[in-house]
C-alpha cells in the first residue's frame, strides 16, 4: 500500500501541533484555557484543532498532553507499516480523554486528509465530575486513598472507643 501522502499529511499535522504549542507558550499565559485564546487571538485562527479541545484545558495542560500524545509519532511514521491505531489512540487518550465531542470534531477534520484516521478505536465517554489532582499534589481531603474500598459490598470500618 502506498501511504506516502498519509505520512506527509500526518507529519505536517505534527508540525502544526508543535507550532501551536510554541505560539501558546509565547503568550505567557499557562493558566489560560486554550479554547479561550483560540477564540480571542487571530494568531491561532489556522489551528482548527485548538477549538476542539476541552473548554477548561489550560495552555500548561495542553503542552504536557501534546508532548505525551505526539512523542511516538516520529518513530511510528518511519516504521515500514503504519500503525493506524497507535497514531490515533495516543491523541484520543492524551488530548481528548473525556471529550468525545471534541474527538469526533478532530477525527472528522483529520479524515479530510487521512481517510483512515481514528477508525477502529473505541467510543469515548464523557467524564462526569472528575476531580483532577495536580501533578505532585495530594488528593483532596474528601477523596478516597488509592485502593481504599468504601461502601457496599465493603462494610464501613468499625471504631473501638
N, C-alpha and C. Protein backbone atom coordinates (compact mmCIF):
# COMPACT_ATOMS: atom_id res chain seq x y z
N UNK A 1 0.85 -1.18 0.00
CA UNK A 1 0.00 0.00 0.00
C UNK A 1 0.89 1.24 0.00
N UNK A 2 0.59 2.18 -0.85
CA UNK A 2 1.36 3.42 -0.94
C UNK A 2 0.74 4.45 -0.01
N UNK A 3 1.42 4.67 1.11
CA UNK A 3 0.88 5.60 2.11
C UNK A 3 1.74 6.86 2.27
N UNK A 4 2.51 7.18 1.24
CA UNK A 4 3.38 8.35 1.30
C UNK A 4 2.61 9.63 1.61
N UNK A 5 1.45 9.78 1.01
CA UNK A 5 0.69 11.01 1.19
C UNK A 5 0.08 11.09 2.59
N UNK A 6 -0.33 9.95 3.13
CA UNK A 6 -0.82 9.93 4.51
C UNK A 6 0.30 10.30 5.48
N UNK A 7 1.47 9.73 5.27
CA UNK A 7 2.61 10.05 6.13
C UNK A 7 2.94 11.54 6.05
N UNK A 8 2.89 12.08 4.85
CA UNK A 8 3.18 13.51 4.67
C UNK A 8 2.16 14.36 5.43
N UNK A 9 0.88 14.04 5.29
CA UNK A 9 -0.17 14.81 5.98
C UNK A 9 -0.02 14.72 7.50
N UNK A 10 0.31 13.54 8.00
CA UNK A 10 0.49 13.38 9.45
C UNK A 10 1.72 14.13 9.93
N UNK A 11 2.76 14.13 9.15
CA UNK A 11 3.96 14.88 9.51
C UNK A 11 3.68 16.38 9.52
N UNK A 12 2.93 16.86 8.54
CA UNK A 12 2.54 18.27 8.51
C UNK A 12 1.67 18.62 9.73
N UNK A 13 0.79 17.70 10.11
CA UNK A 13 -0.05 17.93 11.29
C UNK A 13 0.80 17.98 12.56
N UNK A 14 1.77 17.11 12.66
CA UNK A 14 2.69 17.15 13.80
C UNK A 14 3.38 18.51 13.87
N UNK A 15 3.81 19.01 12.73
CA UNK A 15 4.42 20.34 12.67
C UNK A 15 3.45 21.43 13.11
N UNK A 16 2.19 21.33 12.70
CA UNK A 16 1.18 22.31 13.13
C UNK A 16 0.98 22.26 14.64
N UNK A 17 0.97 21.07 15.19
CA UNK A 17 0.82 20.93 16.65
C UNK A 17 1.99 21.59 17.37
N UNK A 18 3.19 21.35 16.88
CA UNK A 18 4.37 21.95 17.52
C UNK A 18 4.37 23.46 17.37
N UNK A 19 3.93 23.95 16.22
CA UNK A 19 3.84 25.39 16.02
C UNK A 19 2.81 26.02 16.96
N UNK A 20 1.65 25.36 17.09
CA UNK A 20 0.62 25.86 18.01
C UNK A 20 1.14 25.85 19.44
N UNK A 21 1.85 24.81 19.80
CA UNK A 21 2.44 24.71 21.13
C UNK A 21 3.41 25.85 21.38
N UNK A 22 4.23 26.16 20.42
CA UNK A 22 5.19 27.26 20.53
C UNK A 22 4.47 28.60 20.66
N UNK A 23 3.46 28.82 19.85
CA UNK A 23 2.70 30.08 19.91
C UNK A 23 1.99 30.23 21.26
N UNK A 24 1.42 29.15 21.75
CA UNK A 24 0.74 29.21 23.04
C UNK A 24 1.73 29.48 24.17
N UNK A 25 2.89 28.89 24.09
CA UNK A 25 3.91 29.12 25.12
C UNK A 25 4.34 30.59 25.14
N UNK A 26 4.39 31.21 23.97
CA UNK A 26 4.81 32.61 23.89
C UNK A 26 3.76 33.58 24.44
N UNK A 27 2.54 33.12 24.67
CA UNK A 27 1.53 34.02 25.23
C UNK A 27 1.84 34.35 26.68
N UNK A 28 2.62 33.51 27.34
CA UNK A 28 2.94 33.74 28.74
C UNK A 28 1.73 33.59 29.65
N UNK A 29 0.77 32.79 29.23
CA UNK A 29 -0.47 32.61 29.99
C UNK A 29 -0.73 31.12 30.23
N UNK A 30 0.10 30.45 31.04
CA UNK A 30 -0.04 29.00 31.20
C UNK A 30 -1.35 28.55 31.83
N UNK A 31 -2.02 29.43 32.58
CA UNK A 31 -3.26 29.04 33.25
C UNK A 31 -4.51 29.43 32.48
N UNK A 32 -4.34 29.99 31.29
CA UNK A 32 -5.48 30.41 30.46
C UNK A 32 -5.97 29.23 29.62
N UNK A 33 -7.28 29.04 29.52
CA UNK A 33 -7.81 27.97 28.66
C UNK A 33 -7.42 28.20 27.19
N UNK A 34 -6.99 27.12 26.54
CA UNK A 34 -6.56 27.19 25.14
C UNK A 34 -7.70 27.64 24.23
N UNK A 35 -8.89 27.11 24.47
CA UNK A 35 -10.05 27.46 23.63
C UNK A 35 -10.31 28.97 23.69
N UNK A 36 -10.16 29.54 24.86
CA UNK A 36 -10.36 30.99 25.02
C UNK A 36 -9.35 31.77 24.18
N UNK A 37 -8.09 31.39 24.25
CA UNK A 37 -7.06 32.06 23.45
C UNK A 37 -7.32 31.87 21.95
N UNK A 38 -7.76 30.68 21.57
CA UNK A 38 -8.03 30.40 20.16
C UNK A 38 -9.16 31.28 19.61
N UNK A 39 -10.13 31.60 20.47
CA UNK A 39 -11.24 32.46 20.05
C UNK A 39 -10.84 33.93 20.02
N UNK A 40 -10.00 34.33 20.96
CA UNK A 40 -9.68 35.75 21.14
C UNK A 40 -8.54 36.26 20.25
N UNK A 41 -7.62 35.41 19.86
CA UNK A 41 -6.44 35.88 19.16
C UNK A 41 -6.37 35.32 17.74
N UNK A 42 -6.18 36.21 16.77
CA UNK A 42 -6.09 35.80 15.37
C UNK A 42 -4.89 34.90 15.10
N UNK A 43 -3.89 34.98 15.95
CA UNK A 43 -2.69 34.17 15.82
C UNK A 43 -3.02 32.68 15.72
N UNK A 44 -4.13 32.27 16.33
CA UNK A 44 -4.49 30.85 16.41
C UNK A 44 -5.57 30.44 15.41
N UNK A 45 -5.94 31.33 14.51
CA UNK A 45 -7.03 31.09 13.56
C UNK A 45 -6.78 29.85 12.69
N UNK A 46 -5.54 29.58 12.32
CA UNK A 46 -5.24 28.45 11.44
C UNK A 46 -5.15 27.11 12.18
N UNK A 47 -5.14 27.15 13.49
CA UNK A 47 -5.03 25.94 14.29
C UNK A 47 -6.42 25.46 14.68
N UNK A 48 -7.15 24.92 13.72
CA UNK A 48 -8.53 24.48 13.89
C UNK A 48 -8.68 23.52 15.08
N UNK A 49 -7.69 22.69 15.31
CA UNK A 49 -7.77 21.66 16.35
C UNK A 49 -7.85 22.23 17.75
N UNK A 50 -7.41 23.47 17.96
CA UNK A 50 -7.47 24.07 19.29
C UNK A 50 -8.92 24.28 19.75
N UNK A 51 -9.80 24.53 18.80
CA UNK A 51 -11.19 24.76 19.14
C UNK A 51 -11.94 23.47 19.50
N UNK A 52 -11.33 22.31 19.24
CA UNK A 52 -11.95 21.03 19.57
C UNK A 52 -11.57 20.54 20.97
N UNK A 53 -10.64 21.23 21.61
CA UNK A 53 -10.18 20.81 22.94
C UNK A 53 -11.25 21.06 24.00
N UNK A 54 -11.08 20.41 25.14
CA UNK A 54 -11.99 20.65 26.27
C UNK A 54 -11.90 22.12 26.67
N UNK A 55 -13.02 22.75 26.95
CA UNK A 55 -13.04 24.19 27.25
C UNK A 55 -12.15 24.62 28.41
N UNK A 56 -11.89 23.75 29.36
CA UNK A 56 -11.10 24.13 30.53
C UNK A 56 -9.62 23.76 30.43
N UNK A 57 -9.20 23.14 29.32
CA UNK A 57 -7.80 22.74 29.18
C UNK A 57 -6.92 23.98 29.06
N UNK A 58 -5.99 24.12 29.99
CA UNK A 58 -5.11 25.29 30.01
C UNK A 58 -3.92 25.09 29.06
N UNK A 59 -3.21 26.17 28.83
CA UNK A 59 -2.01 26.12 27.99
C UNK A 59 -1.00 25.14 28.58
N UNK A 60 -0.79 25.20 29.89
CA UNK A 60 0.17 24.29 30.53
C UNK A 60 -0.26 22.83 30.37
N UNK A 61 -1.54 22.55 30.56
CA UNK A 61 -2.04 21.19 30.41
C UNK A 61 -1.93 20.73 28.95
N UNK A 62 -2.26 21.61 28.03
CA UNK A 62 -2.15 21.28 26.60
C UNK A 62 -0.71 20.93 26.25
N UNK A 63 0.24 21.69 26.76
CA UNK A 63 1.65 21.43 26.49
C UNK A 63 2.05 20.03 26.92
N UNK A 64 1.68 19.65 28.12
CA UNK A 64 2.00 18.32 28.62
C UNK A 64 1.31 17.23 27.82
N UNK A 65 0.06 17.48 27.48
CA UNK A 65 -0.70 16.46 26.74
C UNK A 65 -0.21 16.30 25.30
N UNK A 66 0.18 17.39 24.66
CA UNK A 66 0.71 17.28 23.30
C UNK A 66 2.00 16.49 23.30
N UNK A 67 2.87 16.77 24.27
CA UNK A 67 4.13 16.03 24.35
C UNK A 67 3.86 14.53 24.51
N UNK A 68 2.92 14.18 25.35
CA UNK A 68 2.58 12.78 25.59
C UNK A 68 1.91 12.14 24.37
N UNK A 69 1.05 12.89 23.72
CA UNK A 69 0.28 12.35 22.59
C UNK A 69 1.13 12.16 21.34
N UNK A 70 2.08 13.05 21.11
CA UNK A 70 2.79 13.04 19.83
C UNK A 70 4.21 12.52 19.88
N UNK A 71 4.76 12.23 21.06
CA UNK A 71 6.15 11.79 21.08
C UNK A 71 6.38 10.49 20.30
N UNK A 72 5.39 9.56 20.21
CA UNK A 72 5.65 8.35 19.43
C UNK A 72 5.55 8.54 17.91
N UNK A 73 5.01 9.66 17.47
CA UNK A 73 4.76 9.84 16.04
C UNK A 73 6.00 9.74 15.15
N UNK A 74 7.11 10.39 15.45
CA UNK A 74 8.25 10.27 14.52
C UNK A 74 8.66 8.81 14.27
N UNK A 75 8.74 8.03 15.32
CA UNK A 75 9.10 6.61 15.15
C UNK A 75 8.02 5.88 14.37
N UNK A 76 6.77 6.11 14.73
CA UNK A 76 5.66 5.43 14.04
C UNK A 76 5.63 5.79 12.55
N UNK A 77 5.88 7.05 12.24
CA UNK A 77 5.84 7.49 10.84
C UNK A 77 7.01 6.95 10.01
N UNK A 78 8.07 6.53 10.69
CA UNK A 78 9.22 5.95 9.99
C UNK A 78 9.17 4.44 9.89
N UNK A 79 8.26 3.80 10.63
CA UNK A 79 8.13 2.34 10.55
C UNK A 79 7.69 1.94 9.15
N UNK A 80 8.05 0.73 8.77
CA UNK A 80 7.68 0.22 7.44
C UNK A 80 6.17 0.22 7.25
N UNK A 81 5.46 -0.32 8.22
CA UNK A 81 4.00 -0.34 8.18
C UNK A 81 3.46 0.69 9.17
N UNK A 82 2.53 1.51 8.72
CA UNK A 82 1.91 2.48 9.62
C UNK A 82 0.95 1.76 10.57
N UNK A 83 1.08 2.04 11.84
CA UNK A 83 0.17 1.50 12.84
C UNK A 83 -0.92 2.55 13.06
N UNK A 84 -2.00 2.43 12.33
CA UNK A 84 -3.08 3.42 12.36
C UNK A 84 -3.61 3.64 13.76
N UNK A 85 -3.84 2.54 14.49
CA UNK A 85 -4.39 2.67 15.84
C UNK A 85 -3.43 3.37 16.78
N UNK A 86 -2.16 3.07 16.69
CA UNK A 86 -1.18 3.70 17.57
C UNK A 86 -1.12 5.21 17.33
N UNK A 87 -1.17 5.61 16.08
CA UNK A 87 -1.09 7.04 15.76
C UNK A 87 -2.31 7.80 16.29
N UNK A 88 -3.48 7.22 16.18
CA UNK A 88 -4.70 7.92 16.60
C UNK A 88 -5.00 7.75 18.09
N UNK A 89 -4.70 6.60 18.65
CA UNK A 89 -5.11 6.34 20.03
C UNK A 89 -4.37 7.23 21.03
N UNK A 90 -3.12 7.58 20.75
CA UNK A 90 -2.43 8.47 21.69
C UNK A 90 -3.08 9.85 21.72
N UNK A 91 -3.56 10.30 20.57
CA UNK A 91 -4.25 11.59 20.51
C UNK A 91 -5.58 11.50 21.26
N UNK A 92 -6.32 10.43 20.98
CA UNK A 92 -7.61 10.25 21.64
C UNK A 92 -7.44 10.22 23.15
N UNK A 93 -6.49 9.45 23.63
CA UNK A 93 -6.32 9.28 25.07
C UNK A 93 -5.73 10.52 25.73
N UNK A 94 -4.71 11.11 25.14
CA UNK A 94 -4.00 12.20 25.81
C UNK A 94 -4.60 13.58 25.60
N UNK A 95 -5.20 13.83 24.45
CA UNK A 95 -5.76 15.16 24.20
C UNK A 95 -7.27 15.24 24.37
N UNK A 96 -7.97 14.13 24.18
CA UNK A 96 -9.42 14.20 24.16
C UNK A 96 -10.10 13.28 25.17
N UNK A 97 -9.37 12.79 26.15
CA UNK A 97 -9.96 11.93 27.17
C UNK A 97 -11.11 12.68 27.85
N UNK A 98 -12.29 12.08 27.85
CA UNK A 98 -13.47 12.70 28.46
C UNK A 98 -14.12 13.78 27.61
N UNK A 99 -13.68 13.94 26.37
CA UNK A 99 -14.21 14.96 25.47
C UNK A 99 -14.58 14.30 24.13
N UNK A 100 -15.61 13.44 24.13
CA UNK A 100 -15.94 12.73 22.89
C UNK A 100 -16.39 13.65 21.75
N UNK A 101 -17.04 14.75 22.07
CA UNK A 101 -17.46 15.68 21.01
C UNK A 101 -16.25 16.31 20.33
N UNK A 102 -15.29 16.70 21.14
CA UNK A 102 -14.05 17.26 20.58
C UNK A 102 -13.31 16.23 19.73
N UNK A 103 -13.28 14.99 20.22
CA UNK A 103 -12.62 13.92 19.47
C UNK A 103 -13.30 13.71 18.12
N UNK A 104 -14.62 13.69 18.10
CA UNK A 104 -15.35 13.50 16.84
C UNK A 104 -15.05 14.63 15.86
N UNK A 105 -15.00 15.85 16.37
CA UNK A 105 -14.66 17.01 15.52
C UNK A 105 -13.25 16.86 14.96
N UNK A 106 -12.32 16.50 15.82
CA UNK A 106 -10.92 16.33 15.44
C UNK A 106 -10.79 15.25 14.36
N UNK A 107 -11.41 14.09 14.60
CA UNK A 107 -11.33 12.98 13.64
C UNK A 107 -11.94 13.38 12.30
N UNK A 108 -13.10 14.01 12.34
CA UNK A 108 -13.76 14.41 11.09
C UNK A 108 -12.86 15.32 10.26
N UNK A 109 -12.18 16.23 10.93
CA UNK A 109 -11.29 17.13 10.21
C UNK A 109 -10.05 16.39 9.69
N UNK A 110 -9.49 15.53 10.52
CA UNK A 110 -8.31 14.77 10.11
C UNK A 110 -8.62 13.84 8.94
N UNK A 111 -9.83 13.29 8.91
CA UNK A 111 -10.19 12.36 7.85
C UNK A 111 -10.36 13.03 6.49
N UNK A 112 -10.40 14.34 6.46
CA UNK A 112 -10.42 15.05 5.18
C UNK A 112 -9.10 14.85 4.45
N UNK A 113 -8.02 14.63 5.22
CA UNK A 113 -6.69 14.44 4.64
C UNK A 113 -6.22 12.99 4.71
N UNK A 114 -6.56 12.31 5.82
CA UNK A 114 -6.13 10.93 6.05
C UNK A 114 -7.39 10.13 6.38
N UNK A 115 -7.95 9.47 5.36
CA UNK A 115 -9.27 8.84 5.49
C UNK A 115 -9.40 7.85 6.63
N UNK A 116 -8.36 7.11 6.93
CA UNK A 116 -8.45 6.06 7.96
C UNK A 116 -8.24 6.58 9.38
N UNK A 117 -7.87 7.84 9.55
CA UNK A 117 -7.50 8.33 10.88
C UNK A 117 -8.67 8.18 11.87
N UNK A 118 -8.40 7.54 12.99
CA UNK A 118 -9.38 7.40 14.07
C UNK A 118 -10.39 6.30 13.89
N UNK A 119 -10.34 5.58 12.78
CA UNK A 119 -11.29 4.48 12.60
C UNK A 119 -10.81 3.27 13.40
N UNK A 120 -11.75 2.52 13.92
CA UNK A 120 -11.41 1.30 14.64
C UNK A 120 -11.09 1.50 16.11
N UNK A 121 -11.18 2.72 16.62
CA UNK A 121 -10.93 2.95 18.04
C UNK A 121 -12.24 2.87 18.82
N UNK A 122 -12.13 2.61 20.10
CA UNK A 122 -13.31 2.51 20.96
C UNK A 122 -14.00 3.86 21.08
N UNK A 123 -15.33 3.81 21.26
CA UNK A 123 -16.10 5.03 21.51
C UNK A 123 -15.67 5.63 22.84
N UNK A 124 -15.68 6.94 22.90
CA UNK A 124 -15.31 7.64 24.12
C UNK A 124 -16.56 8.01 24.90
N UNK A 125 -16.40 8.15 26.20
CA UNK A 125 -17.49 8.61 27.06
C UNK A 125 -17.07 9.93 27.69
N UNK A 126 -18.08 10.72 28.01
CA UNK A 126 -17.81 11.98 28.69
C UNK A 126 -17.43 11.71 30.13
N UNK A 127 -16.47 12.48 30.64
CA UNK A 127 -16.14 12.40 32.06
C UNK A 127 -17.25 13.09 32.83
N UNK A 128 -17.58 12.54 33.97
CA UNK A 128 -18.57 13.17 34.82
C UNK A 128 -17.94 13.45 36.18
N UNK A 129 -17.88 14.71 36.53
CA UNK A 129 -17.40 15.17 37.84
C UNK A 129 -16.11 14.50 38.26
N UNK A 130 -15.11 14.58 37.43
CA UNK A 130 -13.80 14.02 37.75
C UNK A 130 -12.97 15.09 38.42
N UNK A 131 -12.40 14.76 39.56
CA UNK A 131 -11.53 15.70 40.26
C UNK A 131 -10.11 15.43 39.81
N UNK A 132 -9.43 16.46 39.33
CA UNK A 132 -8.07 16.32 38.85
C UNK A 132 -7.12 16.75 39.95
N UNK A 133 -6.15 15.89 40.24
CA UNK A 133 -5.12 16.23 41.22
C UNK A 133 -3.92 16.72 40.45
N UNK A 134 -3.40 17.92 40.78
CA UNK A 134 -2.23 18.41 40.08
C UNK A 134 -1.06 17.45 40.24
N UNK A 135 -0.18 17.44 39.25
CA UNK A 135 1.00 16.58 39.30
C UNK A 135 1.79 16.92 40.56
N UNK A 136 2.09 15.90 41.33
CA UNK A 136 2.84 16.10 42.56
C UNK A 136 1.98 16.56 43.72
N UNK A 137 0.70 16.81 43.47
CA UNK A 137 -0.19 17.30 44.51
C UNK A 137 -0.80 16.15 45.28
N UNK A 138 -1.36 16.47 46.39
CA UNK A 138 -2.02 15.46 47.22
C UNK A 138 -3.51 15.46 46.92
N UNK A 139 -4.15 14.31 47.03
CA UNK A 139 -5.59 14.27 46.83
C UNK A 139 -6.29 15.13 47.86
N UNK A 140 -7.46 15.63 47.51
CA UNK A 140 -8.21 16.46 48.44
C UNK A 140 -8.67 15.62 49.62
N UNK A 141 -9.05 16.26 50.70
CA UNK A 141 -9.42 15.56 51.92
C UNK A 141 -10.58 14.61 51.72
N UNK A 142 -11.52 14.93 50.85
CA UNK A 142 -12.69 14.10 50.65
C UNK A 142 -12.45 12.92 49.72
N UNK A 143 -11.31 12.85 49.10
CA UNK A 143 -11.04 11.81 48.13
C UNK A 143 -10.52 10.56 48.82
N UNK A 144 -10.96 9.39 48.37
CA UNK A 144 -10.50 8.13 48.95
C UNK A 144 -9.04 7.90 48.64
N UNK A 145 -8.37 7.21 49.52
CA UNK A 145 -6.98 6.82 49.28
C UNK A 145 -6.97 5.77 48.18
N UNK A 146 -5.88 5.68 47.41
CA UNK A 146 -5.82 4.70 46.34
C UNK A 146 -6.04 3.29 46.88
N UNK A 147 -6.91 2.54 46.22
CA UNK A 147 -7.16 1.17 46.60
C UNK A 147 -8.09 1.01 47.80
N UNK A 148 -8.49 2.09 48.42
CA UNK A 148 -9.37 2.00 49.58
C UNK A 148 -10.78 1.73 49.08
N UNK A 149 -11.42 0.76 49.71
CA UNK A 149 -12.77 0.38 49.29
C UNK A 149 -13.74 0.78 50.38
N UNK A 150 -14.71 1.57 50.01
CA UNK A 150 -15.73 2.01 50.96
C UNK A 150 -17.10 1.74 50.39
N UNK A 151 -18.04 1.49 51.31
CA UNK A 151 -19.41 1.28 50.88
C UNK A 151 -19.64 -0.14 50.45
N UNK A 152 -20.88 -0.43 50.10
CA UNK A 152 -21.25 -1.78 49.72
C UNK A 152 -20.41 -2.25 48.56
N UNK A 153 -19.89 -3.43 48.48
CA UNK A 153 -20.09 -4.53 49.41
C UNK A 153 -19.08 -4.56 50.55
N UNK A 154 -18.26 -3.54 50.67
CA UNK A 154 -17.29 -3.48 51.75
C UNK A 154 -17.87 -2.68 52.90
N UNK A 155 -17.95 -3.29 54.07
CA UNK A 155 -18.55 -2.58 55.21
C UNK A 155 -17.67 -1.43 55.68
N UNK A 156 -18.32 -0.46 56.29
CA UNK A 156 -17.59 0.65 56.87
C UNK A 156 -16.73 0.13 58.04
N UNK A 157 -15.52 0.68 58.21
CA UNK A 157 -14.70 0.21 59.32
C UNK A 157 -15.35 0.53 60.65
N UNK A 158 -15.20 -0.41 61.59
CA UNK A 158 -15.77 -0.21 62.93
C UNK A 158 -14.73 0.47 63.80
N UNK A 159 -15.20 1.36 64.62
CA UNK A 159 -14.30 2.05 65.54
C UNK A 159 -14.45 1.44 66.91
N UNK A 160 -13.37 1.44 67.66
CA UNK A 160 -13.42 0.94 69.03
C UNK A 160 -13.11 2.09 69.95
N UNK A 161 -14.07 2.45 70.76
CA UNK A 161 -13.90 3.55 71.72
C UNK A 161 -13.99 3.06 73.12
